[in-house]
Amino acid sequence: MFDQEKQKEIRLTKLQAKKRAENFCAYQERSQQEIRDKLYKWGQYPADVENIIVDLIADNFLNEERFTHAYTSGKFKIKHWGKIKIANGLKFKRIPPRLVNEALNTIDPDEYIHTLTQIIEKKARVLREKEPYKRKIKLAQYAISRGFEKDLIFDILNSNDL
């Protein structure tokens, strides 16, 4: 019942919603879908939502390309995600495939391999499994869960004897 009362409160006018969306976008890069979801949550009608999004794009508060590059860079450099997990996150936010591919191509291949190697080595130090086959499988599963490609993972595992 509390949620219903709270939702009734959050009925903003178009101007209020636009101002809130501008502040929301100014805080950090956002995708169009994130803004669309927020506007609907604030009780806006579909026509108003699209008009506000057009205004935000025109005023350069909202830029899908800029968002895609920021998301990719942050998830790779800070969270140490692989390309598969980053691509899935961008698809979830309804980013066009062309922009996803462009952003993934900005990741330096040498830095990507280095990051994957560090992740595997760090996990290998804390892994208690002694049997080599099971150990390799556990390391591979961990790296796959971080979004890295299987062929790269097994190349690193085989070349480093982990």
C-alpha atoms as a PDB file:
ATOM      1  CA  MET A   1       0.000   0.000   0.000  1.00  0.00           C
ATOM      2  CA  PHE A   2       2.920   2.342   0.741  1.00  0.00           C
ATOM      3  CA  ASP A   3       4.273   1.867  -2.820  1.00  0.00           C
ATOM      4  CA  GLN A   4       0.917   2.858  -4.330  1.00  0.00           C
ATOM      5  CA  GLU A   5       0.805   6.036  -2.250  1.00  0.00           C
ATOM      6  CA  LYS A   6       4.375   6.841  -3.208  1.00  0.00           C
ATOM      7  CA  GLN A   7       3.652   6.396  -6.933  1.00  0.00           C
ATOM      8  CA  LYS A   8       0.644   8.697  -6.726  1.00  0.00           C
ATOM      9  CA  GLU A   9       2.936  11.392  -5.300  1.00  0.00           C
ATOM     10  CA  ILE A  10       5.395  11.190  -8.189  1.00  0.00           C
ATOM     11  CA  ARG A  11       3.206  12.733 -10.896  1.00  0.00           C
ATOM     12  CA  LEU A  12       5.367  15.496 -12.383  1.00  0.00           C
ATOM     13  CA  THR A  13       4.451  18.078 -14.978  1.00  0.00           C
ATOM     14  CA  LYS A  14       6.256  17.904 -18.304  1.00  0.00           C
ATOM     15  CA  LEU A  15       8.487  20.859 -17.377  1.00  0.00           C
ATOM     16  CA  GLN A  16       9.360  19.380 -13.972  1.00  0.00           C
ATOM     17  CA  ALA A  17      10.127  16.016 -15.554  1.00  0.00           C
ATOM     18  CA  LYS A  18      12.370  17.642 -18.177  1.00  0.00           C
ATOM     19  CA  LYS A  19      14.286  19.555 -15.498  1.00  0.00           C
ATOM     20  CA  ARG A  20      14.709  16.402 -13.398  1.00  0.00           C
ATOM     21  CA  ALA A  21      15.853  14.454 -16.465  1.00  0.00           C
ATOM     22  CA  GLU A  22      18.420  17.163 -17.262  1.00  0.00           C
ATOM     23  CA  ASN A  23      19.805  16.907 -13.727  1.00  0.00           C
ATOM     24  CA  PHE A  24      19.748  13.105 -13.962  1.00  0.00           C
ATOM     25  CA  CYS A  25      21.760  13.243 -17.211  1.00  0.00           C
ATOM     26  CA  ALA A  26      24.157  15.901 -15.905  1.00  0.00           C
ATOM     27  CA  TYR A  27      25.130  13.682 -12.978  1.00  0.00           C
ATOM     28  CA  GLN A  28      26.481  10.906 -15.231  1.00  0.00           C
ATOM     29  CA  GLU A  29      26.095   9.594 -18.770  1.00  0.00           C
ATOM     30  CA  ARG A  30      22.748   7.866 -19.346  1.00  0.00           C
ATOM     31  CA  SER A  31      21.206   5.807 -22.127  1.00  0.00           C
ATOM     32  CA  GLN A  32      17.947   6.786 -23.771  1.00  0.00           C
ATOM     33  CA  GLN A  33      16.283   3.741 -22.241  1.00  0.00           C
ATOM     34  CA  GLU A  34      17.298   4.737 -18.710  1.00  0.00           C
ATOM     35  CA  ILE A  35      15.791   8.197 -19.236  1.00  0.00           C
ATOM     36  CA  ARG A  36      12.674   6.725 -20.848  1.00  0.00           C
ATOM     37  CA  ASP A  37      12.157   4.418 -17.853  1.00  0.00           C
ATOM     38  CA  LYS A  38      12.613   7.285 -15.389  1.00  0.00           C
ATOM     39  CA  LEU A  39      10.165   9.505 -17.256  1.00  0.00           C
ATOM     40  CA  TYR A  40       7.521   6.784 -17.234  1.00  0.00           C
ATOM     41  CA  LYS A  41       8.184   6.272 -13.519  1.00  0.00           C
ATOM     42  CA  TRP A  42       7.556   9.990 -13.019  1.00  0.00           C
ATOM     43  CA  GLY A  43       4.126   9.599 -14.632  1.00  0.00           C
ATOM     44  CA  GLN A  44       4.787  11.047 -18.088  1.00  0.00           C
ATOM     45  CA  TYR A  45       2.733  10.154 -21.158  1.00  0.00           C
ATOM     46  CA  PRO A  46       4.439   8.425 -24.134  1.00  0.00           C
ATOM     47  CA  ALA A  47       4.273  11.504 -26.390  1.00  0.00           C
ATOM     48  CA  ASP A  48       5.767  13.694 -23.659  1.00  0.00           C
ATOM     49  CA  VAL A  49       8.495  11.145 -22.962  1.00  0.00           C
ATOM     50  CA  GLU A  50       9.633  11.157 -26.584  1.00  0.00           C
ATOM     51  CA  ASN A  51       9.491  14.962 -26.765  1.00  0.00           C
ATOM     52  CA  ILE A  52      11.606  15.292 -23.622  1.00  0.00           C
ATOM     53  CA  ILE A  53      14.138  12.809 -24.989  1.00  0.00           C
ATOM     54  CA  VAL A  54      14.373  14.765 -28.261  1.00  0.00           C
ATOM     55  CA  ASP A  55      14.948  17.953 -26.253  1.00  0.00           C
ATOM     56  CA  LEU A  56      17.637  16.276 -24.128  1.00  0.00           C
ATOM     57  CA  ILE A  57      19.430  15.089 -27.261  1.00  0.00           C
ATOM     58  CA  ALA A  58      19.180  18.548 -28.847  1.00  0.00           C
ATOM     59  CA  ASP A  59      20.589  20.166 -25.680  1.00  0.00           C
ATOM     60  CA  ASN A  60      23.398  17.546 -25.613  1.00  0.00           C
ATOM     61  CA  PHE A  61      22.369  16.145 -22.227  1.00  0.00           C
ATOM     62  CA  LEU A  62      21.801  12.763 -23.844  1.00  0.00           C
ATOM     63  CA  ASN A  63      24.193  11.157 -26.314  1.00  0.00           C
ATOM     64  CA  GLU A  64      24.110   7.399 -26.951  1.00  0.00           C
ATOM     65  CA  GLU A  65      27.610   7.309 -28.436  1.00  0.00           C
ATOM     66  CA  ARG A  66      29.122   9.169 -25.497  1.00  0.00           C
ATOM     67  CA  PHE A  67      27.233   6.915 -23.063  1.00  0.00           C
ATOM     68  CA  THR A  68      28.391   3.765 -24.856  1.00  0.00           C
ATOM     69  CA  HIS A  69      32.057   4.753 -24.716  1.00  0.00           C
ATOM     70  CA  ALA A  70      31.823   5.803 -21.062  1.00  0.00           C
ATOM     71  CA  TYR A  71      30.039   2.560 -20.113  1.00  0.00           C
ATOM     72  CA  THR A  72      32.546   0.406 -21.986  1.00  0.00           C
ATOM     73  CA  SER A  73      35.553   2.199 -20.577  1.00  0.00           C
ATOM     74  CA  GLY A  74      34.257   2.120 -17.012  1.00  0.00           C
ATOM     75  CA  LYS A  75      33.206  -1.505 -17.002  1.00  0.00           C
ATOM     76  CA  PHE A  76      36.513  -2.614 -18.510  1.00  0.00           C
ATOM     77  CA  LYS A  77      38.954  -0.414 -16.597  1.00  0.00           C
ATOM     78  CA  ILE A  78      37.199  -0.306 -13.229  1.00  0.00           C
ATOM     79  CA  LYS A  79      35.100  -3.484 -13.001  1.00  0.00           C
ATOM     80  CA  HIS A  80      37.421  -5.575 -15.238  1.00  0.00           C
ATOM     81  CA  TRP A  81      34.577  -6.978 -17.313  1.00  0.00           C
ATOM     82  CA  GLY A  82      35.179  -8.786 -20.587  1.00  0.00           C
ATOM     83  CA  LYS A  83      33.740  -7.813 -23.955  1.00  0.00           C
ATOM     84  CA  ILE A  84      30.886 -10.338 -23.792  1.00  0.00           C
ATOM     85  CA  LYS A  85      29.570  -9.019 -20.474  1.00  0.00           C
ATOM     86  CA  ILE A  86      29.955  -5.396 -21.606  1.00  0.00           C
ATOM     87  CA  ALA A  87      28.111  -6.113 -24.867  1.00  0.00           C
ATOM     88  CA  ASN A  88      25.276  -7.825 -22.979  1.00  0.00           C
ATOM     89  CA  GLY A  89      24.983  -4.866 -20.619  1.00  0.00           C
ATOM     90  CA  LEU A  90      24.757  -2.467 -23.552  1.00  0.00           C
ATOM     91  CA  LYS A  91      22.174  -4.641 -25.311  1.00  0.00           C
ATOM     92  CA  PHE A  92      20.139  -4.656 -22.103  1.00  0.00           C
ATOM     93  CA  LYS A  93      20.149  -0.855 -22.267  1.00  0.00           C
ATOM     94  CA  ARG A  94      18.957  -1.083 -25.887  1.00  0.00           C
ATOM     95  CA  ILE A  95      22.050   0.432 -27.476  1.00  0.00           C
ATOM     96  CA  PRO A  96      22.260  -0.113 -31.261  1.00  0.00           C
ATOM     97  CA  PRO A  97      24.672  -2.919 -32.288  1.00  0.00           C
ATOM     98  CA  ARG A  98      26.749  -0.518 -34.404  1.00  0.00           C
ATOM     99  CA  LEU A  99      27.568   1.597 -31.341  1.00  0.00           C
ATOM    100  CA  VAL A 100      28.271  -1.510 -29.250  1.00  0.00           C
ATOM    101  CA  ASN A 101      30.806  -2.750 -31.819  1.00  0.00           C
ATOM    102  CA  GLU A 102      32.450   0.683 -32.085  1.00  0.00           C
ATOM    103  CA  ALA A 103      32.823   0.922 -28.314  1.00  0.00           C
ATOM    104  CA  LEU A 104      34.209  -2.612 -27.956  1.00  0.00           C
ATOM    105  CA  ASN A 105      36.775  -1.873 -30.676  1.00  0.00           C
ATOM    106  CA  THR A 106      38.144   0.999 -28.573  1.00  0.00           C
ATOM    107  CA  ILE A 107      39.450  -1.477 -25.979  1.00  0.00           C
ATOM    108  CA  ASP A 108      43.198  -1.960 -26.471  1.00  0.00           C
ATOM    109  CA  PRO A 109      43.836  -5.668 -27.293  1.00  0.00           C
ATOM    110  CA  ASP A 110      47.108  -5.785 -25.319  1.00  0.00           C
ATOM    111  CA  GLU A 111      45.466  -4.222 -22.268  1.00  0.00           C
ATOM    112  CA  TYR A 112      42.559  -6.661 -22.648  1.00  0.00           C
ATOM    113  CA  ILE A 113      44.881  -9.698 -22.602  1.00  0.00           C
ATOM    114  CA  HIS A 114      46.850  -8.218 -19.712  1.00  0.00           C
ATOM    115  CA  THR A 115      43.668  -7.674 -17.673  1.00  0.00           C
ATOM    116  CA  LEU A 116      42.435 -11.203 -18.364  1.00  0.00           C
ATOM    117  CA  THR A 117      45.824 -12.620 -17.360  1.00  0.00           C
ATOM    118  CA  GLN A 118      45.777 -10.641 -14.107  1.00  0.00           C
ATOM    119  CA  ILE A 119      42.240 -11.800 -13.285  1.00  0.00           C
ATOM    120  CA  ILE A 120      43.147 -15.451 -13.859  1.00  0.00           C
ATOM    121  CA  GLU A 121      46.412 -15.212 -11.883  1.00  0.00           C
ATOM    122  CA  LYS A 122      44.701 -13.473  -8.973  1.00  0.00           C
ATOM    123  CA  LYS A 123      42.003 -16.150  -8.839  1.00  0.00           C
ATOM    124  CA  ALA A 124      44.622 -18.904  -9.141  1.00  0.00           C
ATOM    125  CA  ARG A 125      46.369 -17.630  -5.990  1.00  0.00           C
ATOM    126  CA  VAL A 126      43.229 -18.039  -3.851  1.00  0.00           C
ATOM    127  CA  LEU A 127      41.932 -21.245  -5.452  1.00  0.00           C
ATOM    128  CA  ARG A 128      42.412 -24.296  -3.214  1.00  0.00           C
ATOM    129  CA  GLU A 129      41.805 -26.959  -5.869  1.00  0.00           C
ATOM    130  CA  LYS A 130      44.943 -29.089  -6.349  1.00  0.00           C
ATOM    131  CA  GLU A 131      43.872 -31.340  -9.221  1.00  0.00           C
ATOM    132  CA  PRO A 132      45.126 -29.593 -12.409  1.00  0.00           C
ATOM    133  CA  TYR A 133      42.123 -30.382 -14.613  1.00  0.00           C
ATOM    134  CA  LYS A 134      39.519 -29.224 -12.062  1.00  0.00           C
ATOM    135  CA  ARG A 135      41.657 -26.182 -11.264  1.00  0.00           C
ATOM    136  CA  LYS A 136      41.799 -25.163 -14.920  1.00  0.00           C
ATOM    137  CA  ILE A 137      38.031 -25.608 -15.302  1.00  0.00           C
ATOM    138  CA  LYS A 138      37.331 -23.480 -12.216  1.00  0.00           C
ATOM    139  CA  LEU A 139      39.630 -20.725 -13.464  1.00  0.00           C
ATOM    140  CA  ALA A 140      37.989 -20.848 -16.890  1.00  0.00           C
ATOM    141  CA  GLN A 141      34.482 -20.694 -15.391  1.00  0.00           C
ATOM    142  CA  TYR A 142      35.478 -17.689 -13.319  1.00  0.00           C
ATOM    143  CA  ALA A 143      36.905 -15.819 -16.316  1.00  0.00           C
ATOM    144  CA  ILE A 144      33.840 -16.721 -18.429  1.00  0.00           C
ATOM    145  CA  SER A 145      31.588 -15.317 -15.690  1.00  0.00           C
ATOM    146  CA  ARG A 146      33.544 -12.060 -15.971  1.00  0.00           C
ATOM    147  CA  GLY A 147      32.616 -11.913 -19.667  1.00  0.00           C
ATOM    148  CA  PHE A 148      35.822 -12.963 -21.382  1.00  0.00           C
ATOM    149  CA  GLU A 149      36.015 -15.146 -24.493  1.00  0.00           C
ATOM    150  CA  LYS A 150      36.684 -18.867 -24.040  1.00  0.00           C
ATOM    151  CA  ASP A 151      39.453 -19.111 -26.639  1.00  0.00           C
ATOM    152  CA  LEU A 152      41.457 -16.315 -24.986  1.00  0.00           C
ATOM    153  CA  ILE A 153      40.930 -17.839 -21.554  1.00  0.00           C
ATOM    154  CA  PHE A 154      42.228 -21.262 -22.568  1.00  0.00           C
ATOM    155  CA  ASP A 155      45.152 -19.729 -24.478  1.00  0.00           C
ATOM    156  CA  ILE A 156      46.233 -17.945 -21.303  1.00  0.00           C
ATOM    157  CA  LEU A 157      45.598 -20.966 -19.088  1.00  0.00           C
ATOM    158  CA  ASN A 158      47.657 -23.219 -21.373  1.00  0.00           C
ATOM    159  CA  SER A 159      50.509 -20.770 -21.908  1.00  0.00           C
ATOM    160  CA  ASN A 160      50.905 -19.868 -18.225  1.00  0.00           C
ATOM    161  CA  ASP A 161      50.483 -23.406 -16.823  1.00  0.00           C
ATOM    162  CA  LEU A 162      47.910 -22.300 -14.258  1.00  0.00           C
END
